[in-house]
């Protein structure tokens, strides 16, 4: 039986579907609304011969991939950063992009992304929302620190700012306008802190660390929330054949291009998982605080370069160490890491 292949270029409100045969003849091509029934109805005449459906999307693939899988189709989530177009093209559109996805699926060279298990996506996305709240809270802490430095010539740690009451924040400045700014910062910080705690409580009640990820708790400074973040972003550690694949996915690898010892440009910095990148930077900050050996490594790197490079270097060490910890189920060994 002749095989057929489908490619879907998915957008926020519509998609373009192309079905081709083994000779690249287009059997079906049409722009459809983002409605699973329409898409499945269009694929139904080809279902017995359909080898797979390549779906390209940057953010809204959940519903479509789930519908395809529930209907018995083999769904392939495209790694958009790794798709290479034919260099000789002058003009491309959705029609061509969909055809190209089906074409490289037929050739067996489609770069695929990981289809995260449906059951765990909601908890993972909730932790991602927590990260957004943490970043927003940090922005307000930095804002108040900047205001104090600019108008008072004084500094205050982020930890102390989070402890300020509204009255204490108001009393910092003689100007009523600056006082209002400070109070608004404190109110927002307190509000975001409440949301963060609510999310953490809900996640801890719902998610449990899998056996292979419990070993992460042996890293100094890594607690349950950080370990759960890593677990829910990684999914299956077995999908990374080598430690370099994992550290690259965690964005711990430099993206620059070099030739003859000189920098010639940069590759795609966005390749990888930004949430894992944040998790390992956070782990590096805590490990630097609680592990003397890590602190000495950090200080040495800081003396040679700067704090940002030192933190990134430490996060890379932790990412590589945790890969072997999860793979081999061995506890954190500070002497092996900082020998």
Protein backbone atom coordinates (compact mmCIF):
# COMPACT_ATOMS: atom_id res chain seq x y z
CA UNK A 1 0.00 0.00 0.00
CA UNK A 2 1.35 3.42 -0.95
CA UNK A 3 2.11 5.64 2.02
CA UNK A 4 1.05 9.27 2.40
CA UNK A 5 2.37 12.02 4.67
CA UNK A 6 0.83 15.17 6.13
CA UNK A 7 2.25 18.51 7.22
CA UNK A 8 0.42 21.17 9.24
CA UNK A 9 1.68 24.73 9.64
CA UNK A 10 -0.21 25.82 12.76
CA UNK A 11 -0.99 29.44 13.65
CA UNK A 12 -3.02 31.07 16.41
CA UNK A 13 -6.41 30.97 14.63
CA UNK A 14 -5.88 28.81 11.54
CA UNK A 15 -3.60 26.23 9.97
CA UNK A 16 -2.52 25.03 6.54
CA UNK A 17 -2.76 21.28 5.87
CA UNK A 18 -0.94 19.48 3.06
CA UNK A 19 -1.03 15.73 2.30
CA UNK A 20 1.50 14.25 -0.16
CA UNK A 21 2.29 10.80 -1.56
CA UNK A 22 5.67 9.08 -1.92
CA UNK A 23 6.36 11.00 -5.14
CA UNK A 24 5.68 14.36 -3.45
CA UNK A 25 2.42 14.80 -5.32
CA UNK A 26 0.00 16.98 -3.39
CA UNK A 27 -3.14 15.00 -2.65
CA UNK A 28 -4.76 17.64 -0.44
CA UNK A 29 -3.97 21.22 0.54
CA UNK A 30 -6.19 23.72 2.27
CA UNK A 31 -6.24 26.40 4.95
CA UNK A 32 -8.49 25.33 7.82
CA UNK A 33 -9.80 26.90 10.99
CA UNK A 34 -8.26 25.71 14.23
CA UNK A 35 -10.98 23.15 14.79
CA UNK A 36 -10.00 19.56 15.52
CA UNK A 37 -13.13 18.15 13.83
CA UNK A 38 -12.34 19.96 10.56
CA UNK A 39 -8.75 18.75 10.56
CA UNK A 40 -9.62 15.14 11.41
CA UNK A 41 -12.37 15.17 8.78
CA UNK A 42 -9.84 16.35 6.16
CA UNK A 43 -7.41 13.57 7.14
CA UNK A 44 -10.05 10.82 7.32
CA UNK A 45 -9.89 9.77 3.60
CA UNK A 46 -6.12 9.17 3.98
CA UNK A 47 -6.13 7.55 7.44
CA UNK A 48 -5.42 3.97 6.29
CA UNK A 49 -2.35 5.10 4.33
CA UNK A 50 -1.24 8.03 6.51
CA UNK A 51 2.22 7.37 7.97
CA UNK A 52 2.38 10.48 10.15
CA UNK A 53 1.40 14.11 10.62
CA UNK A 54 4.12 16.74 11.15
CA UNK A 55 2.86 19.68 13.21
CA UNK A 56 4.85 22.91 13.32
CA UNK A 57 3.94 25.29 16.12
CA UNK A 58 5.73 27.58 18.51
CA UNK A 59 3.24 27.75 21.37
CA UNK A 60 -0.25 26.31 20.77
CA UNK A 61 0.22 22.68 19.77
CA UNK A 62 -1.32 20.90 22.78
CA UNK A 63 -4.90 20.66 21.51
CA UNK A 64 -3.98 19.58 17.98
CA UNK A 65 -1.41 16.93 18.90
CA UNK A 66 -3.80 15.51 21.52
CA UNK A 67 -6.66 15.37 18.98
CA UNK A 68 -4.44 13.64 16.41
CA UNK A 69 -3.19 11.08 18.90
CA UNK A 70 -6.67 10.42 20.29
CA UNK A 71 -7.85 9.77 16.72
CA UNK A 72 -5.08 7.21 16.20
CA UNK A 73 -2.74 9.31 14.06
CA UNK A 74 1.04 9.33 14.51
CA UNK A 75 1.79 12.96 15.43
CA UNK A 76 5.26 14.43 15.03
CA UNK A 77 5.98 17.73 16.81
CA UNK A 78 8.47 19.70 14.72
CA UNK A 79 11.55 21.28 16.28
CA UNK A 80 11.08 24.66 14.58
CA UNK A 81 14.60 25.90 15.37
CA UNK A 82 16.17 22.93 13.61
CA UNK A 83 14.10 22.90 10.38
CA UNK A 84 16.26 23.82 7.39
CA UNK A 85 14.57 25.23 4.31
CA UNK A 86 15.91 24.69 0.82
CA UNK A 87 18.41 27.54 0.27
CA UNK A 88 17.47 28.08 -3.38
CA UNK A 89 13.97 29.33 -2.57
CA UNK A 90 13.10 32.97 -3.21
CA UNK A 91 9.55 32.93 -1.88
CA UNK A 92 7.84 30.77 0.73
CA UNK A 93 4.41 30.79 2.33
CA UNK A 94 2.25 28.56 4.55
CA UNK A 95 1.42 26.35 1.58
CA UNK A 96 5.09 25.69 0.91
CA UNK A 97 6.00 25.34 4.60
CA UNK A 98 3.36 22.64 5.13
CA UNK A 99 4.54 20.79 2.03
CA UNK A 100 8.14 21.00 3.23
CA UNK A 101 7.20 19.48 6.61
CA UNK A 102 5.47 16.56 4.90
CA UNK A 103 8.40 16.21 2.49
CA UNK A 104 11.12 15.94 5.16
CA UNK A 105 8.84 13.64 7.18
CA UNK A 106 8.72 11.38 4.12
CA UNK A 107 12.52 11.48 3.84
CA UNK A 108 12.91 10.57 7.51
CA UNK A 109 14.91 13.71 8.37
CA UNK A 110 12.25 15.69 10.25
CA UNK A 111 13.82 17.28 13.38
CA UNK A 112 11.35 16.48 16.14
CA UNK A 113 10.50 18.07 19.46
CA UNK A 114 9.44 16.23 22.58
CA UNK A 115 5.70 15.63 23.01
CA UNK A 116 5.35 16.12 26.74
CA UNK A 117 2.92 13.72 28.47
CA UNK A 118 -0.56 15.21 28.60
CA UNK A 119 -1.17 14.27 32.25
CA UNK A 120 1.71 16.40 33.59
CA UNK A 121 1.44 19.48 31.38
CA UNK A 122 -0.90 21.44 33.67
CA UNK A 123 1.39 21.12 36.70
CA UNK A 124 4.44 21.98 34.60
CA UNK A 125 2.69 25.07 33.20
CA UNK A 126 1.67 26.09 36.72
CA UNK A 127 5.33 26.03 37.78
CA UNK A 128 6.14 28.10 34.70
CA UNK A 129 3.59 30.65 35.87
CA UNK A 130 5.31 30.65 39.26
CA UNK A 131 8.57 31.54 37.53
CA UNK A 132 6.87 34.47 35.80
CA UNK A 133 5.60 35.72 39.17
CA UNK A 134 9.08 35.32 40.70
CA UNK A 135 10.59 37.37 37.88
CA UNK A 136 7.94 40.06 38.27
CA UNK A 137 8.55 40.20 42.02
CA UNK A 138 12.29 40.51 41.43
CA UNK A 139 11.64 43.39 39.02
CA UNK A 140 9.77 45.30 41.75
CA UNK A 141 12.51 44.57 44.30
CA UNK A 142 15.10 45.88 41.84
CA UNK A 143 12.93 48.92 41.14
CA UNK A 144 12.81 49.90 44.83
CA UNK A 145 16.54 49.25 45.22
CA UNK A 146 17.22 51.51 42.25
CA UNK A 147 14.98 54.27 43.64
CA UNK A 148 16.77 54.15 47.00
CA UNK A 149 20.19 54.21 45.40
CA UNK A 150 19.26 57.10 43.10
CA UNK A 151 17.54 59.34 45.66
CA UNK A 152 19.07 58.32 49.00
CA UNK A 153 22.50 56.96 48.08
CA UNK A 154 21.65 53.89 50.14
CA UNK A 155 21.26 50.22 49.36
CA UNK A 156 19.12 47.46 50.86
CA UNK A 157 19.21 43.73 50.19
CA UNK A 158 16.33 42.10 48.39
CA UNK A 159 15.66 39.98 51.46
CA UNK A 160 15.24 43.06 53.65
CA UNK A 161 13.06 44.83 51.08
CA UNK A 162 10.64 41.87 51.08
CA UNK A 163 10.29 42.30 54.87
CA UNK A 164 9.35 46.01 54.69
CA UNK A 165 5.85 47.04 55.70
CA UNK A 166 3.97 49.67 53.71
CA UNK A 167 4.52 52.20 56.51
CA UNK A 168 8.27 51.53 56.55
CA UNK A 169 8.49 51.86 52.78
CA UNK A 170 6.55 55.15 52.90
CA UNK A 171 8.87 56.53 55.58
CA UNK A 172 11.95 55.96 53.43
CA UNK A 173 11.33 59.07 51.33
CA UNK A 174 10.34 62.64 52.13
CA UNK A 175 8.73 63.11 48.72
CA UNK A 176 5.08 61.91 48.64
CA UNK A 177 5.53 60.77 45.06
CA UNK A 178 8.55 58.62 45.88
CA UNK A 179 6.74 57.28 48.94
CA UNK A 180 3.82 56.27 46.72
CA UNK A 181 6.22 54.49 44.36
CA UNK A 182 7.80 52.61 47.27
CA UNK A 183 4.44 51.58 48.73
CA UNK A 184 3.23 50.37 45.31
CA UNK A 185 6.39 48.26 45.03
CA UNK A 186 5.82 46.71 48.45
CA UNK A 187 2.13 46.02 47.75
CA UNK A 188 2.99 44.31 44.46
CA UNK A 189 5.81 42.30 46.05
CA UNK A 190 3.47 41.11 48.80
CA UNK A 191 0.72 40.27 46.32
CA UNK A 192 3.07 38.26 44.09
CA UNK A 193 4.54 36.48 47.11
CA UNK A 194 1.03 35.29 48.02
CA UNK A 195 0.46 33.94 44.50
CA UNK A 196 3.84 32.18 44.54
CA UNK A 197 3.01 30.49 47.83
CA UNK A 198 -0.41 29.40 46.56
CA UNK A 199 1.17 27.87 43.45
CA UNK A 200 3.84 26.09 45.48
CA UNK A 201 1.20 24.65 47.81
CA UNK A 202 -0.91 23.38 44.90
CA UNK A 203 2.10 21.86 43.13
CA UNK A 204 3.39 20.11 46.25
CA UNK A 205 -0.08 18.62 46.85
CA UNK A 206 -0.36 17.35 43.26
CA UNK A 207 3.14 16.42 42.08
CA UNK A 208 5.54 13.96 43.64
CA UNK A 209 9.19 13.56 42.77
CA UNK A 210 9.78 10.44 40.68
CA UNK A 211 12.44 8.09 42.12
CA UNK A 212 15.03 9.04 39.52
CA UNK A 213 14.64 12.75 40.38
CA UNK A 214 14.69 12.47 44.20
CA UNK A 215 18.46 12.29 43.94
CA UNK A 216 18.46 16.01 43.01
CA UNK A 217 17.64 16.85 46.64
CA UNK A 218 21.21 15.85 47.60
CA UNK A 219 22.54 18.94 45.79
CA UNK A 220 23.19 21.64 48.44
CA UNK A 221 20.47 24.28 48.30
CA UNK A 222 18.13 22.40 45.94
CA UNK A 223 14.69 21.94 47.49
CA UNK A 224 11.48 20.27 46.36
CA UNK A 225 10.16 23.10 44.19
CA UNK A 226 13.42 23.43 42.25
CA UNK A 227 13.73 19.65 41.91
CA UNK A 228 10.12 19.43 40.69
CA UNK A 229 10.78 22.20 38.17
CA UNK A 230 13.71 20.23 36.76
CA UNK A 231 11.74 16.97 36.76
CA UNK A 232 8.71 18.44 35.01
CA UNK A 233 10.81 20.21 32.37
CA UNK A 234 13.05 17.20 31.67
CA UNK A 235 10.28 14.61 31.47
CA UNK A 236 12.32 11.57 30.46
CA UNK A 237 16.07 11.87 31.07
CA UNK A 238 16.55 8.96 28.67
CA UNK A 239 15.80 11.24 25.71
CA UNK A 240 19.26 12.78 26.14
CA UNK A 241 21.86 10.24 24.91
CA UNK A 242 24.86 12.29 26.08
CA UNK A 243 25.61 14.80 28.81
CA UNK A 244 26.41 17.41 26.15
CA UNK A 245 22.91 17.04 24.73
CA UNK A 246 21.44 17.71 28.17
CA UNK A 247 23.64 20.70 29.03
CA UNK A 248 22.89 22.19 25.61
CA UNK A 249 19.15 21.71 26.17
CA UNK A 250 19.57 23.51 29.51
CA UNK A 251 21.19 26.44 27.63
CA UNK A 252 24.39 25.97 29.60
CA UNK A 253 26.49 25.76 26.43
CA UNK A 254 27.92 28.83 24.71
CA UNK A 255 26.25 29.65 21.41
CA UNK A 256 29.18 31.38 19.73
CA UNK A 257 30.84 30.30 16.47
CA UNK A 258 34.64 30.26 16.36
CA UNK A 259 37.16 29.72 13.60
CA UNK A 260 40.93 29.73 14.01
CA UNK A 261 40.47 30.83 17.62
CA UNK A 262 38.39 33.87 16.66
CA UNK A 263 34.71 34.55 17.25
CA UNK A 264 32.81 34.54 13.95
CA UNK A 265 29.25 34.95 15.18
CA UNK A 266 26.62 33.20 17.27
CA UNK A 267 24.27 30.29 16.81
CA UNK A 268 20.64 30.31 17.97
CA UNK A 269 20.62 31.23 21.67
CA UNK A 270 16.99 30.18 21.97
CA UNK A 271 17.71 26.52 21.29
CA UNK A 272 16.91 24.63 24.46
CA UNK A 273 14.65 25.09 27.44
CA UNK A 274 14.62 28.52 29.08
CA UNK A 275 12.94 27.17 32.21
CA UNK A 276 15.70 24.63 32.80
CA UNK A 277 18.24 27.38 32.15
CA UNK A 278 16.61 29.42 34.92
CA UNK A 279 16.39 26.39 37.23
CA UNK A 280 20.12 25.68 37.02
CA UNK A 281 21.05 29.34 37.48
CA UNK A 282 18.83 29.33 40.57
CA UNK A 283 20.49 26.09 41.72
CA UNK A 284 23.91 27.70 41.18
CA UNK A 285 22.95 30.68 43.36
CA UNK A 286 21.80 28.44 46.21
CA UNK A 287 24.72 26.01 45.91
CA UNK A 288 27.13 28.94 45.93
CA UNK A 289 25.55 30.00 49.22
CA UNK A 290 25.46 26.61 50.94
CA UNK A 291 28.46 24.71 49.52
CA UNK A 292 31.99 25.98 50.37
CA UNK A 293 33.58 24.10 47.45
CA UNK A 294 31.09 25.63 45.02
CA UNK A 295 31.73 29.06 46.51
CA UNK A 296 35.50 28.70 45.98
CA UNK A 297 34.87 27.69 42.35
CA UNK A 298 32.58 30.70 41.93
CA UNK A 299 35.12 33.09 43.47
CA UNK A 300 37.87 31.81 41.20
CA UNK A 301 35.69 32.29 38.10
CA UNK A 302 34.62 35.74 39.29
CA UNK A 303 38.26 36.82 39.70
CA UNK A 304 39.01 35.76 36.13
CA UNK A 305 35.85 37.10 34.46
CA UNK A 306 32.72 38.40 36.22
CA UNK A 307 29.81 37.25 38.39
CA UNK A 308 27.50 36.46 35.47
CA UNK A 309 30.06 34.21 33.79
CA UNK A 310 30.87 32.58 37.14
CA UNK A 311 27.20 31.82 37.84
CA UNK A 312 26.74 30.39 34.36
CA UNK A 313 29.86 28.24 34.72
CA UNK A 314 28.59 26.88 38.03
CA UNK A 315 25.14 26.22 36.56
CA UNK A 316 26.76 24.24 33.74
CA UNK A 317 28.69 22.14 36.26
CA UNK A 318 25.49 21.41 38.16
CA UNK A 319 23.56 20.55 34.99
CA UNK A 320 26.24 18.06 33.90
CA UNK A 321 26.51 16.59 37.41
CA UNK A 322 22.74 16.21 37.75
CA UNK A 323 22.58 14.43 34.38
CA UNK A 324 24.83 11.65 35.70
CA UNK A 325 23.05 11.69 39.05
CA UNK A 326 19.68 11.06 37.38
CA UNK A 327 21.08 8.57 34.89
CA UNK A 328 23.14 6.51 37.37
CA UNK A 329 21.13 7.25 40.53
CA UNK A 330 24.19 8.44 42.44
CA UNK A 331 24.08 11.13 45.12
CA UNK A 332 25.78 14.50 44.73
CA UNK A 333 29.56 14.13 45.21
CA UNK A 334 31.14 17.49 45.94
CA UNK A 335 34.68 16.11 45.74
CA UNK A 336 34.12 14.60 42.30
CA UNK A 337 32.59 17.84 41.00
CA UNK A 338 35.17 20.26 42.40
CA UNK A 339 38.28 18.12 42.60
